[in-house]
Amino acid sequence: MQSQTIDPKQTELNHHHTTTEAHHEEHPDHRMFGLVFFLIAEGMIFMGLFGAYLAFRSVLPVFPPEGTPELELLLPGINTVNLIASSFVIHNADTAIKKNDVRGMQLWFGITALMGITFLFGQVYEYTHLEFGLTTNLFASAFYVLTGFHGLHVTIGVIAILAVLWRSRKPGHYSDQNHFGIEAAELYWHFVDVIWIILFGLLYIL
């Protein structure tokens, strides 16, 4: 009767796999919870800024102060449509990866990144054509702080999307079973979108 030879390397790999699974079960993935907690904290900061802005409106007899040039709605309106549409675009990427369509995910993420960059260029263009500066009056200061802080978040979102695209170059890095980075970037992008809708209503419509 022939004895079976045991491969030490295979035994070690099996042990490592078993240990990894046990470790995963003992320590569940809380990354999404952490991201949601972070976004709640960021949302509270924005709510504080929005509350301060509304307080300024309520206590001052005239707001914006007299002499403040009216904001143009065309470019910000286009930017708003662009950002809202990008939320639908990035969701297509999540749908694609859950079908193991990596190329489809890369396409939709690439389009979203371009839409985000377009939004930022539109904001910079608006800044360069405004007829008031950061210290002109209280409204001007609030405008730049709110839009600038949001623009920073858009920039971070674009960087996150580009980071996912870079990592997706490695075969098998993302799949229907492993796509946290894609879901995290999508959730963050939706957050940025919702904040802008509120901000647009406060600054440009009210």
N, C-alpha and C. Protein backbone atom coordinates (compact mmCIF):
# COMPACT_ATOMS: atom_id res chain seq x y z
N MET A 1 0.85 -1.20 0.00
CA MET A 1 0.00 0.00 0.00
C MET A 1 0.88 1.24 0.00
N GLN A 2 0.61 2.14 -0.97
CA GLN A 2 1.46 3.33 -1.15
C GLN A 2 1.04 4.42 -0.19
N SER A 3 1.99 4.98 0.56
CA SER A 3 1.69 6.04 1.52
C SER A 3 1.53 7.37 0.80
N GLN A 4 0.65 8.21 1.30
CA GLN A 4 0.38 9.52 0.69
C GLN A 4 1.35 10.56 1.25
N THR A 5 1.98 11.30 0.32
CA THR A 5 2.94 12.32 0.72
C THR A 5 2.22 13.63 1.02
N ILE A 6 2.50 14.19 2.16
CA ILE A 6 1.85 15.45 2.56
C ILE A 6 2.75 16.61 2.19
N ASP A 7 2.20 17.55 1.44
CA ASP A 7 2.95 18.73 1.01
C ASP A 7 2.92 19.77 2.12
N PRO A 8 4.08 20.06 2.73
CA PRO A 8 4.11 21.05 3.84
C PRO A 8 3.60 22.41 3.42
N LYS A 9 3.91 22.83 2.18
CA LYS A 9 3.49 24.15 1.71
C LYS A 9 1.97 24.23 1.59
N GLN A 10 1.37 23.14 1.05
CA GLN A 10 -0.08 23.12 0.91
C GLN A 10 -0.75 23.13 2.27
N THR A 11 -0.17 22.39 3.22
CA THR A 11 -0.71 22.36 4.58
C THR A 11 -0.67 23.75 5.21
N GLU A 12 0.45 24.45 4.98
CA GLU A 12 0.59 25.81 5.51
C GLU A 12 -0.43 26.75 4.89
N LEU A 13 -0.66 26.62 3.58
CA LEU A 13 -1.63 27.47 2.90
C LEU A 13 -3.04 27.21 3.42
N ASN A 14 -3.37 25.93 3.59
CA ASN A 14 -4.70 25.59 4.11
C ASN A 14 -4.89 26.15 5.51
N HIS A 15 -3.84 26.04 6.33
CA HIS A 15 -3.92 26.57 7.69
C HIS A 15 -4.10 28.08 7.68
N HIS A 16 -3.37 28.76 6.76
CA HIS A 16 -3.48 30.22 6.65
C HIS A 16 -4.87 30.62 6.21
N HIS A 17 -5.44 29.85 5.25
CA HIS A 17 -6.78 30.15 4.75
C HIS A 17 -7.81 29.99 5.85
N THR A 18 -7.67 28.88 6.62
CA THR A 18 -8.61 28.63 7.72
C THR A 18 -8.50 29.71 8.78
N THR A 19 -7.26 30.09 9.10
CA THR A 19 -7.04 31.14 10.10
C THR A 19 -7.62 32.46 9.66
N THR A 20 -7.45 32.77 8.36
CA THR A 20 -7.98 34.04 7.81
C THR A 20 -9.49 34.08 7.90
N GLU A 21 -10.14 32.94 7.56
CA GLU A 21 -11.59 32.89 7.62
C GLU A 21 -12.09 33.06 9.06
N ALA A 22 -11.40 32.38 9.99
CA ALA A 22 -11.79 32.48 11.40
C ALA A 22 -11.60 33.91 11.90
N HIS A 23 -10.50 34.53 11.48
CA HIS A 23 -10.23 35.92 11.89
C HIS A 23 -11.30 36.85 11.34
N HIS A 24 -11.71 36.59 10.08
CA HIS A 24 -12.74 37.42 9.46
C HIS A 24 -14.07 37.27 10.20
N GLU A 25 -14.39 36.04 10.63
CA GLU A 25 -15.63 35.82 11.34
C GLU A 25 -15.60 36.49 12.72
N GLU A 26 -14.43 36.44 13.36
CA GLU A 26 -14.32 37.03 14.69
C GLU A 26 -14.31 38.56 14.61
N HIS A 27 -13.80 39.10 13.53
CA HIS A 27 -13.69 40.56 13.37
C HIS A 27 -14.40 40.96 12.07
N PRO A 28 -15.72 41.14 12.12
CA PRO A 28 -16.47 41.50 10.91
C PRO A 28 -16.03 42.85 10.35
N ASP A 29 -16.31 43.04 9.08
CA ASP A 29 -15.90 44.25 8.38
C ASP A 29 -16.80 45.42 8.78
N HIS A 30 -16.21 46.40 9.46
CA HIS A 30 -16.95 47.57 9.90
C HIS A 30 -16.58 48.82 9.09
N ARG A 31 -15.97 48.62 7.94
CA ARG A 31 -15.52 49.78 7.17
C ARG A 31 -16.69 50.65 6.72
N MET A 32 -17.77 50.03 6.26
CA MET A 32 -18.91 50.83 5.80
C MET A 32 -19.54 51.59 6.96
N PHE A 33 -19.61 50.94 8.11
CA PHE A 33 -20.12 51.63 9.31
C PHE A 33 -19.25 52.84 9.63
N GLY A 34 -17.93 52.66 9.52
CA GLY A 34 -17.02 53.78 9.78
C GLY A 34 -17.23 54.91 8.80
N LEU A 35 -17.45 54.56 7.54
CA LEU A 35 -17.67 55.60 6.52
C LEU A 35 -18.97 56.35 6.80
N VAL A 36 -20.03 55.61 7.13
CA VAL A 36 -21.31 56.25 7.42
C VAL A 36 -21.18 57.18 8.62
N PHE A 37 -20.47 56.73 9.64
CA PHE A 37 -20.24 57.55 10.83
C PHE A 37 -19.48 58.82 10.46
N PHE A 38 -18.48 58.69 9.59
CA PHE A 38 -17.71 59.85 9.13
C PHE A 38 -18.60 60.83 8.37
N LEU A 39 -19.46 60.31 7.49
CA LEU A 39 -20.33 61.18 6.71
C LEU A 39 -21.35 61.88 7.59
N ILE A 40 -21.80 61.20 8.63
CA ILE A 40 -22.71 61.85 9.58
C ILE A 40 -22.01 63.02 10.27
N ALA A 41 -20.75 62.80 10.64
CA ALA A 41 -19.97 63.87 11.27
C ALA A 41 -19.78 65.04 10.31
N GLU A 42 -19.46 64.73 9.05
CA GLU A 42 -19.30 65.79 8.05
C GLU A 42 -20.62 66.51 7.81
N GLY A 43 -21.71 65.75 7.81
CA GLY A 43 -23.02 66.36 7.63
C GLY A 43 -23.36 67.31 8.75
N MET A 44 -22.94 66.98 9.96
CA MET A 44 -23.19 67.87 11.10
C MET A 44 -22.41 69.18 10.94
N ILE A 45 -21.21 69.10 10.38
CA ILE A 45 -20.44 70.33 10.14
C ILE A 45 -21.17 71.20 9.13
N PHE A 46 -21.65 70.58 8.05
CA PHE A 46 -22.38 71.35 7.05
C PHE A 46 -23.66 71.92 7.64
N MET A 47 -24.37 71.13 8.45
CA MET A 47 -25.60 71.63 9.06
C MET A 47 -25.31 72.82 9.97
N GLY A 48 -24.17 72.80 10.65
CA GLY A 48 -23.78 73.94 11.46
C GLY A 48 -23.56 75.18 10.62
N LEU A 49 -22.91 75.00 9.48
CA LEU A 49 -22.67 76.13 8.57
C LEU A 49 -23.98 76.64 7.98
N PHE A 50 -24.86 75.71 7.60
CA PHE A 50 -26.16 76.12 7.07
C PHE A 50 -26.97 76.86 8.14
N GLY A 51 -26.90 76.36 9.38
CA GLY A 51 -27.62 77.01 10.47
C GLY A 51 -27.11 78.41 10.72
N ALA A 52 -25.79 78.59 10.65
CA ALA A 52 -25.23 79.92 10.83
C ALA A 52 -25.68 80.86 9.72
N TYR A 53 -25.71 80.35 8.51
CA TYR A 53 -26.15 81.17 7.37
C TYR A 53 -27.61 81.59 7.55
N LEU A 54 -28.46 80.65 7.95
CA LEU A 54 -29.87 80.99 8.16
C LEU A 54 -30.03 81.97 9.31
N ALA A 55 -29.17 81.85 10.32
CA ALA A 55 -29.22 82.81 11.43
C ALA A 55 -28.88 84.21 10.95
N PHE A 56 -27.88 84.30 10.09
CA PHE A 56 -27.53 85.61 9.53
C PHE A 56 -28.72 86.21 8.78
N ARG A 57 -29.39 85.38 8.01
CA ARG A 57 -30.54 85.86 7.23
C ARG A 57 -31.65 86.36 8.14
N SER A 58 -31.83 85.69 9.28
CA SER A 58 -32.97 86.02 10.14
C SER A 58 -32.73 87.27 11.00
N VAL A 59 -31.49 87.55 11.35
CA VAL A 59 -31.23 88.67 12.26
C VAL A 59 -30.90 89.97 11.54
N LEU A 60 -30.43 89.88 10.30
CA LEU A 60 -30.09 91.10 9.58
C LEU A 60 -31.33 91.63 8.86
N PRO A 61 -31.56 92.94 8.88
CA PRO A 61 -32.75 93.50 8.24
C PRO A 61 -32.76 93.30 6.73
N VAL A 62 -31.59 93.35 6.11
CA VAL A 62 -31.48 93.14 4.66
C VAL A 62 -30.39 92.11 4.41
N PHE A 63 -30.75 91.04 3.73
CA PHE A 63 -29.77 90.00 3.43
C PHE A 63 -30.11 89.36 2.09
N PRO A 64 -29.15 89.37 1.17
CA PRO A 64 -27.80 89.92 1.25
C PRO A 64 -27.81 91.44 1.45
N PRO A 65 -26.74 91.98 2.01
CA PRO A 65 -26.67 93.42 2.24
C PRO A 65 -26.84 94.20 0.94
N GLU A 66 -27.34 95.40 1.06
CA GLU A 66 -27.55 96.25 -0.11
C GLU A 66 -26.23 96.45 -0.86
N GLY A 67 -26.33 96.43 -2.16
CA GLY A 67 -25.15 96.60 -3.00
C GLY A 67 -24.49 95.29 -3.40
N THR A 68 -24.94 94.18 -2.84
CA THR A 68 -24.36 92.88 -3.21
C THR A 68 -24.90 92.46 -4.57
N PRO A 69 -24.03 92.23 -5.55
CA PRO A 69 -24.50 91.81 -6.88
C PRO A 69 -25.25 90.49 -6.80
N GLU A 70 -26.30 90.37 -7.62
CA GLU A 70 -27.06 89.13 -7.64
C GLU A 70 -26.23 88.00 -8.27
N LEU A 71 -26.44 86.81 -7.74
CA LEU A 71 -25.74 85.65 -8.28
C LEU A 71 -26.39 85.19 -9.58
N GLU A 72 -25.57 84.85 -10.55
CA GLU A 72 -26.09 84.28 -11.79
C GLU A 72 -26.52 82.85 -11.55
N LEU A 73 -27.61 82.45 -12.18
CA LEU A 73 -28.14 81.11 -11.97
C LEU A 73 -27.76 80.11 -13.06
N LEU A 74 -27.35 80.60 -14.23
CA LEU A 74 -27.13 79.70 -15.36
C LEU A 74 -26.03 78.69 -15.09
N LEU A 75 -24.83 79.16 -14.79
CA LEU A 75 -23.71 78.25 -14.56
C LEU A 75 -23.92 77.37 -13.34
N PRO A 76 -24.32 77.93 -12.18
CA PRO A 76 -24.59 77.06 -11.03
C PRO A 76 -25.71 76.05 -11.32
N GLY A 77 -26.70 76.46 -12.12
CA GLY A 77 -27.77 75.54 -12.48
C GLY A 77 -27.25 74.38 -13.30
N ILE A 78 -26.38 74.70 -14.26
CA ILE A 78 -25.76 73.64 -15.08
C ILE A 78 -24.91 72.73 -14.20
N ASN A 79 -24.16 73.33 -13.30
CA ASN A 79 -23.34 72.55 -12.37
C ASN A 79 -24.20 71.62 -11.51
N THR A 80 -25.36 72.12 -11.11
CA THR A 80 -26.27 71.32 -10.28
C THR A 80 -26.79 70.11 -11.05
N VAL A 81 -27.23 70.35 -12.27
CA VAL A 81 -27.72 69.25 -13.12
C VAL A 81 -26.60 68.23 -13.35
N ASN A 82 -25.40 68.74 -13.59
CA ASN A 82 -24.25 67.88 -13.83
C ASN A 82 -23.97 66.99 -12.62
N LEU A 83 -24.01 67.58 -11.42
CA LEU A 83 -23.69 66.83 -10.22
C LEU A 83 -24.78 65.80 -9.90
N ILE A 84 -26.04 66.20 -10.07
CA ILE A 84 -27.14 65.25 -9.83
C ILE A 84 -27.04 64.07 -10.80
N ALA A 85 -26.77 64.38 -12.07
CA ALA A 85 -26.65 63.32 -13.07
C ALA A 85 -25.49 62.38 -12.75
N SER A 86 -24.43 62.93 -12.19
CA SER A 86 -23.26 62.09 -11.88
C SER A 86 -23.57 61.04 -10.82
N SER A 87 -24.55 61.31 -9.95
CA SER A 87 -24.94 60.32 -8.96
C SER A 87 -25.55 59.09 -9.62
N PHE A 88 -26.33 59.32 -10.68
CA PHE A 88 -26.90 58.19 -11.42
C PHE A 88 -25.81 57.45 -12.20
N VAL A 89 -24.85 58.21 -12.71
CA VAL A 89 -23.76 57.59 -13.46
C VAL A 89 -22.92 56.68 -12.57
N ILE A 90 -22.56 57.17 -11.38
CA ILE A 90 -21.70 56.37 -10.51
C ILE A 90 -22.44 55.14 -9.99
N HIS A 91 -23.76 55.23 -9.89
CA HIS A 91 -24.52 54.05 -9.45
C HIS A 91 -24.43 52.93 -10.49
N ASN A 92 -24.33 53.30 -11.76
CA ASN A 92 -24.16 52.30 -12.81
C ASN A 92 -22.88 51.50 -12.62
N ALA A 93 -21.85 52.16 -12.06
CA ALA A 93 -20.60 51.46 -11.81
C ALA A 93 -20.78 50.38 -10.76
N ASP A 94 -21.54 50.69 -9.72
CA ASP A 94 -21.82 49.71 -8.67
C ASP A 94 -22.62 48.54 -9.24
N THR A 95 -23.58 48.85 -10.10
CA THR A 95 -24.37 47.79 -10.74
C THR A 95 -23.49 46.91 -11.60
N ALA A 96 -22.54 47.53 -12.31
CA ALA A 96 -21.66 46.78 -13.21
C ALA A 96 -20.76 45.82 -12.45
N ILE A 97 -20.16 46.28 -11.35
CA ILE A 97 -19.21 45.42 -10.63
C ILE A 97 -19.93 44.26 -9.98
N LYS A 98 -21.18 44.43 -9.62
CA LYS A 98 -21.92 43.32 -9.03
C LYS A 98 -22.27 42.26 -10.07
N LYS A 99 -22.02 42.59 -11.34
CA LYS A 99 -22.13 41.62 -12.42
C LYS A 99 -20.75 41.19 -12.90
N ASN A 100 -19.72 41.54 -12.12
CA ASN A 100 -18.32 41.25 -12.46
C ASN A 100 -17.88 41.92 -13.76
N ASP A 101 -18.54 43.03 -14.07
CA ASP A 101 -18.18 43.79 -15.27
C ASP A 101 -17.21 44.91 -14.86
N VAL A 102 -15.93 44.56 -14.79
CA VAL A 102 -14.92 45.52 -14.33
C VAL A 102 -14.77 46.66 -15.34
N ARG A 103 -14.77 46.34 -16.60
CA ARG A 103 -14.61 47.39 -17.62
C ARG A 103 -15.79 48.37 -17.58
N GLY A 104 -16.98 47.85 -17.36
CA GLY A 104 -18.14 48.72 -17.24
C GLY A 104 -18.02 49.63 -16.03
N MET A 105 -17.55 49.07 -14.92
CA MET A 105 -17.33 49.88 -13.72
C MET A 105 -16.31 50.97 -13.99
N GLN A 106 -15.23 50.62 -14.65
CA GLN A 106 -14.20 51.61 -14.96
C GLN A 106 -14.74 52.71 -15.86
N LEU A 107 -15.58 52.35 -16.81
CA LEU A 107 -16.17 53.35 -17.71
C LEU A 107 -17.03 54.34 -16.94
N TRP A 108 -17.93 53.83 -16.10
CA TRP A 108 -18.83 54.71 -15.37
C TRP A 108 -18.10 55.55 -14.33
N PHE A 109 -17.09 54.96 -13.70
CA PHE A 109 -16.29 55.74 -12.74
C PHE A 109 -15.50 56.83 -13.46
N GLY A 110 -14.99 56.51 -14.63
CA GLY A 110 -14.25 57.50 -15.41
C GLY A 110 -15.13 58.67 -15.80
N ILE A 111 -16.35 58.38 -16.22
CA ILE A 111 -17.29 59.44 -16.60
C ILE A 111 -17.65 60.29 -15.38
N THR A 112 -17.86 59.62 -14.24
CA THR A 112 -18.17 60.37 -13.00
C THR A 112 -17.04 61.31 -12.62
N ALA A 113 -15.80 60.81 -12.73
CA ALA A 113 -14.65 61.66 -12.41
C ALA A 113 -14.61 62.89 -13.31
N LEU A 114 -14.87 62.69 -14.60
CA LEU A 114 -14.89 63.82 -15.54
C LEU A 114 -16.00 64.81 -15.19
N MET A 115 -17.15 64.30 -14.79
CA MET A 115 -18.25 65.18 -14.40
C MET A 115 -17.90 65.97 -13.13
N GLY A 116 -17.21 65.31 -12.20
CA GLY A 116 -16.78 66.01 -10.99
C GLY A 116 -15.76 67.08 -11.30
N ILE A 117 -14.82 66.78 -12.17
CA ILE A 117 -13.82 67.78 -12.56
C ILE A 117 -14.48 68.94 -13.29
N THR A 118 -15.47 68.64 -14.12
CA THR A 118 -16.22 69.70 -14.82
C THR A 118 -16.91 70.61 -13.82
N PHE A 119 -17.49 70.02 -12.78
CA PHE A 119 -18.13 70.81 -11.73
C PHE A 119 -17.13 71.75 -11.08
N LEU A 120 -15.94 71.25 -10.76
CA LEU A 120 -14.93 72.07 -10.10
C LEU A 120 -14.46 73.20 -11.02
N PHE A 121 -14.27 72.92 -12.30
CA PHE A 121 -13.87 73.97 -13.23
C PHE A 121 -14.97 75.03 -13.33
N GLY A 122 -16.24 74.58 -13.30
CA GLY A 122 -17.34 75.53 -13.33
C GLY A 122 -17.35 76.42 -12.11
N GLN A 123 -17.03 75.84 -10.95
CA GLN A 123 -16.99 76.63 -9.72
C GLN A 123 -15.84 77.64 -9.75
N VAL A 124 -14.69 77.22 -10.23
CA VAL A 124 -13.56 78.13 -10.34
C VAL A 124 -13.88 79.27 -11.31
N TYR A 125 -14.53 78.93 -12.42
CA TYR A 125 -14.92 79.95 -13.39
C TYR A 125 -15.87 80.96 -12.75
N GLU A 126 -16.81 80.46 -11.96
CA GLU A 126 -17.74 81.36 -11.28
C GLU A 126 -17.00 82.27 -10.31
N TYR A 127 -16.05 81.71 -9.57
CA TYR A 127 -15.28 82.52 -8.61
C TYR A 127 -14.57 83.67 -9.32
N THR A 128 -14.00 83.39 -10.48
CA THR A 128 -13.21 84.40 -11.18
C THR A 128 -14.09 85.49 -11.81
N HIS A 129 -15.40 85.26 -11.86
CA HIS A 129 -16.28 86.25 -12.48
C HIS A 129 -17.26 86.88 -11.48
N LEU A 130 -17.15 86.52 -10.22
CA LEU A 130 -18.01 87.15 -9.22
C LEU A 130 -17.59 88.61 -9.00
N GLU A 131 -18.56 89.44 -8.67
CA GLU A 131 -18.29 90.86 -8.47
C GLU A 131 -18.09 91.20 -6.99
N PHE A 132 -17.86 90.20 -6.17
CA PHE A 132 -17.56 90.44 -4.76
C PHE A 132 -16.49 89.46 -4.31
N GLY A 133 -15.78 89.84 -3.24
CA GLY A 133 -14.71 89.01 -2.72
C GLY A 133 -15.06 88.41 -1.37
N LEU A 134 -14.11 87.70 -0.82
CA LEU A 134 -14.34 86.99 0.44
C LEU A 134 -14.72 87.93 1.57
N THR A 135 -14.15 89.15 1.59
CA THR A 135 -14.37 90.08 2.71
C THR A 135 -15.31 91.23 2.35
N THR A 136 -16.04 91.12 1.25
CA THR A 136 -16.92 92.22 0.84
C THR A 136 -17.99 92.49 1.89
N ASN A 137 -18.67 91.45 2.31
CA ASN A 137 -19.69 91.56 3.36
C ASN A 137 -19.97 90.17 3.93
N LEU A 138 -20.92 90.09 4.83
CA LEU A 138 -21.20 88.81 5.50
C LEU A 138 -21.70 87.76 4.53
N PHE A 139 -22.55 88.18 3.60
CA PHE A 139 -23.06 87.21 2.61
C PHE A 139 -21.92 86.65 1.77
N ALA A 140 -21.02 87.52 1.32
CA ALA A 140 -19.90 87.08 0.49
C ALA A 140 -19.03 86.08 1.24
N SER A 141 -18.75 86.38 2.50
CA SER A 141 -17.93 85.47 3.30
C SER A 141 -18.61 84.12 3.45
N ALA A 142 -19.91 84.13 3.75
CA ALA A 142 -20.65 82.88 3.91
C ALA A 142 -20.68 82.11 2.58
N PHE A 143 -20.84 82.82 1.49
CA PHE A 143 -20.88 82.18 0.17
C PHE A 143 -19.58 81.44 -0.12
N TYR A 144 -18.47 82.10 0.08
CA TYR A 144 -17.19 81.47 -0.22
C TYR A 144 -16.88 80.30 0.73
N VAL A 145 -17.23 80.46 1.99
CA VAL A 145 -16.97 79.39 2.95
C VAL A 145 -17.80 78.15 2.60
N LEU A 146 -19.08 78.34 2.32
CA LEU A 146 -19.96 77.21 2.03
C LEU A 146 -19.59 76.53 0.72
N THR A 147 -19.44 77.30 -0.33
CA THR A 147 -19.12 76.69 -1.63
C THR A 147 -17.70 76.15 -1.66
N GLY A 148 -16.79 76.84 -0.98
CA GLY A 148 -15.41 76.38 -0.95
C GLY A 148 -15.25 75.09 -0.17
N PHE A 149 -15.95 74.98 0.97
CA PHE A 149 -15.89 73.75 1.77
C PHE A 149 -16.50 72.59 1.01
N HIS A 150 -17.59 72.87 0.30
CA HIS A 150 -18.19 71.82 -0.52
C HIS A 150 -17.27 71.44 -1.68
N GLY A 151 -16.64 72.43 -2.29
CA GLY A 151 -15.71 72.15 -3.38
C GLY A 151 -14.55 71.26 -2.93
N LEU A 152 -14.11 71.46 -1.68
CA LEU A 152 -13.07 70.60 -1.12
C LEU A 152 -13.55 69.16 -1.07
N HIS A 153 -14.79 68.95 -0.68
CA HIS A 153 -15.34 67.60 -0.61
C HIS A 153 -15.49 66.98 -2.00
N VAL A 154 -15.85 67.79 -2.97
CA VAL A 154 -15.93 67.29 -4.34
C VAL A 154 -14.54 66.85 -4.81
N THR A 155 -13.54 67.64 -4.49
CA THR A 155 -12.16 67.31 -4.86
C THR A 155 -11.74 65.98 -4.24
N ILE A 156 -12.06 65.79 -2.96
CA ILE A 156 -11.74 64.53 -2.29
C ILE A 156 -12.47 63.37 -2.96
N GLY A 157 -13.73 63.61 -3.33
CA GLY A 157 -14.50 62.57 -4.02
C GLY A 157 -13.89 62.18 -5.35
N VAL A 158 -13.45 63.16 -6.11
CA VAL A 158 -12.81 62.88 -7.39
C VAL A 158 -11.53 62.07 -7.19
N ILE A 159 -10.75 62.45 -6.18
CA ILE A 159 -9.51 61.71 -5.88
C ILE A 159 -9.83 60.27 -5.49
N ALA A 160 -10.89 60.08 -4.70
CA ALA A 160 -11.29 58.72 -4.30
C ALA A 160 -11.69 57.89 -5.52
N ILE A 161 -12.44 58.50 -6.42
CA ILE A 161 -12.86 57.79 -7.64
C ILE A 161 -11.65 57.41 -8.48
N LEU A 162 -10.72 58.34 -8.65
CA LEU A 162 -9.51 58.06 -9.42
C LEU A 162 -8.67 56.98 -8.75
N ALA A 163 -8.66 56.97 -7.42
CA ALA A 163 -7.92 55.93 -6.69
C ALA A 163 -8.51 54.55 -6.95
N VAL A 164 -9.86 54.48 -6.97
CA VAL A 164 -10.52 53.21 -7.27
C VAL A 164 -10.18 52.77 -8.69
N LEU A 165 -10.19 53.70 -9.62
CA LEU A 165 -9.84 53.37 -11.01
C LEU A 165 -8.42 52.84 -11.09
N TRP A 166 -7.51 53.45 -10.36
CA TRP A 166 -6.11 53.02 -10.37
C TRP A 166 -5.99 51.60 -9.81
N ARG A 167 -6.66 51.34 -8.73
CA ARG A 167 -6.58 50.02 -8.10
C ARG A 167 -7.28 48.95 -8.95
N SER A 168 -8.25 49.37 -9.74
CA SER A 168 -8.99 48.40 -10.55
C SER A 168 -8.16 47.86 -11.71
N ARG A 169 -6.97 48.45 -11.93
CA ARG A 169 -6.11 47.94 -13.00
C ARG A 169 -5.63 46.52 -12.68
N LYS A 170 -5.51 46.18 -11.41
CA LYS A 170 -5.05 44.86 -11.00
C LYS A 170 -6.16 43.84 -11.19
N PRO A 171 -5.95 42.82 -11.98
CA PRO A 171 -7.00 41.83 -12.24
C PRO A 171 -7.50 41.19 -10.94
N GLY A 172 -8.82 41.14 -10.80
CA GLY A 172 -9.41 40.51 -9.63
C GLY A 172 -9.46 41.37 -8.38
N HIS A 173 -8.98 42.60 -8.47
CA HIS A 173 -8.99 43.44 -7.26
C HIS A 173 -10.42 43.75 -6.84
N TYR A 174 -11.29 44.02 -7.83
CA TYR A 174 -12.70 44.23 -7.54
C TYR A 174 -13.53 43.16 -8.23
N SER A 175 -14.57 42.73 -7.55
CA SER A 175 -15.46 41.70 -8.11
C SER A 175 -16.81 41.83 -7.43
N ASP A 176 -17.74 40.92 -7.78
CA ASP A 176 -19.06 40.96 -7.16
C ASP A 176 -18.99 40.62 -5.67
N GLN A 177 -17.88 40.00 -5.24
CA GLN A 177 -17.71 39.65 -3.84
C GLN A 177 -16.83 40.63 -3.08
N ASN A 178 -16.08 41.44 -3.79
CA ASN A 178 -15.13 42.37 -3.16
C ASN A 178 -15.20 43.72 -3.86
N HIS A 179 -16.04 44.61 -3.33
CA HIS A 179 -16.22 45.90 -4.00
C HIS A 179 -16.47 47.03 -2.99
N PHE A 180 -15.87 46.93 -1.82
CA PHE A 180 -16.07 47.98 -0.81
C PHE A 180 -15.64 49.35 -1.33
N GLY A 181 -14.47 49.41 -1.96
CA GLY A 181 -13.97 50.69 -2.44
C GLY A 181 -14.94 51.38 -3.38
N ILE A 182 -15.61 50.60 -4.21
CA ILE A 182 -16.57 51.16 -5.16
C ILE A 182 -17.80 51.67 -4.43
N GLU A 183 -18.31 50.88 -3.50
CA GLU A 183 -19.49 51.30 -2.74
C GLU A 183 -19.19 52.51 -1.87
N ALA A 184 -17.99 52.55 -1.29
CA ALA A 184 -17.61 53.68 -0.44
C ALA A 184 -17.54 54.97 -1.25
N ALA A 185 -16.91 54.90 -2.43
CA ALA A 185 -16.81 56.09 -3.28
C ALA A 185 -18.19 56.54 -3.74
N GLU A 186 -19.05 55.59 -4.04
CA GLU A 186 -20.41 55.95 -4.47
C GLU A 186 -21.18 56.62 -3.35
N LEU A 187 -21.13 56.07 -2.15
CA LEU A 187 -21.85 56.65 -1.02
C LEU A 187 -21.35 58.06 -0.72
N TYR A 188 -20.04 58.23 -0.75
CA TYR A 188 -19.46 59.56 -0.50
C TYR A 188 -19.93 60.54 -1.57
N TRP A 189 -19.99 60.08 -2.81
CA TRP A 189 -20.40 60.96 -3.92
C TRP A 189 -21.86 61.37 -3.78
N HIS A 190 -22.72 60.45 -3.35
CA HIS A 190 -24.12 60.79 -3.11
C HIS A 190 -24.23 61.84 -1.99
N PHE A 191 -23.40 61.69 -0.98
CA PHE A 191 -23.38 62.67 0.11
C PHE A 191 -23.04 64.06 -0.41
N VAL A 192 -22.00 64.14 -1.23
CA VAL A 192 -21.59 65.41 -1.81
C VAL A 192 -22.72 66.01 -2.65
N ASP A 193 -23.43 65.17 -3.37
CA ASP A 193 -24.53 65.61 -4.21
C ASP A 193 -25.66 66.21 -3.38
N VAL A 194 -26.05 65.50 -2.33
CA VAL A 194 -27.15 65.98 -1.48
C VAL A 194 -26.79 67.30 -0.81
N ILE A 195 -25.56 67.42 -0.34
CA ILE A 195 -25.12 68.66 0.29
C ILE A 195 -25.20 69.82 -0.69
N TRP A 196 -24.81 69.58 -1.93
CA TRP A 196 -24.85 70.65 -2.93
C TRP A 196 -26.28 71.10 -3.21
N ILE A 197 -27.21 70.16 -3.26
CA ILE A 197 -28.61 70.51 -3.52
C ILE A 197 -29.12 71.45 -2.43
N ILE A 198 -28.80 71.14 -1.17
CA ILE A 198 -29.21 72.01 -0.06
C ILE A 198 -28.52 73.37 -0.18
N LEU A 199 -27.23 73.34 -0.47
CA LEU A 199 -26.45 74.56 -0.58
C LEU A 199 -26.96 75.44 -1.72
N PHE A 200 -27.25 74.83 -2.84
CA PHE A 200 -27.76 75.58 -4.01
C PHE A 200 -29.07 76.25 -3.66
N GLY A 201 -29.94 75.53 -2.96
CA GLY A 201 -31.22 76.12 -2.59
C GLY A 201 -31.05 77.32 -1.65
N LEU A 202 -30.14 77.19 -0.69
CA LEU A 202 -29.95 78.29 0.28
C LEU A 202 -29.32 79.51 -0.35
N LEU A 203 -28.28 79.32 -1.14
CA LEU A 203 -27.52 80.46 -1.67
C LEU A 203 -28.12 81.08 -2.92
N TYR A 204 -28.66 80.25 -3.80
CA TYR A 204 -29.06 80.75 -5.10
C TYR A 204 -30.58 80.93 -5.27
N ILE A 205 -31.36 80.18 -4.48
CA ILE A 205 -32.81 80.22 -4.68
C ILE A 205 -33.51 81.07 -3.63
N LEU A 206 -33.19 80.87 -2.34
CA LEU A 206 -33.86 81.61 -1.28
C LEU A 206 -33.55 83.11 -1.33
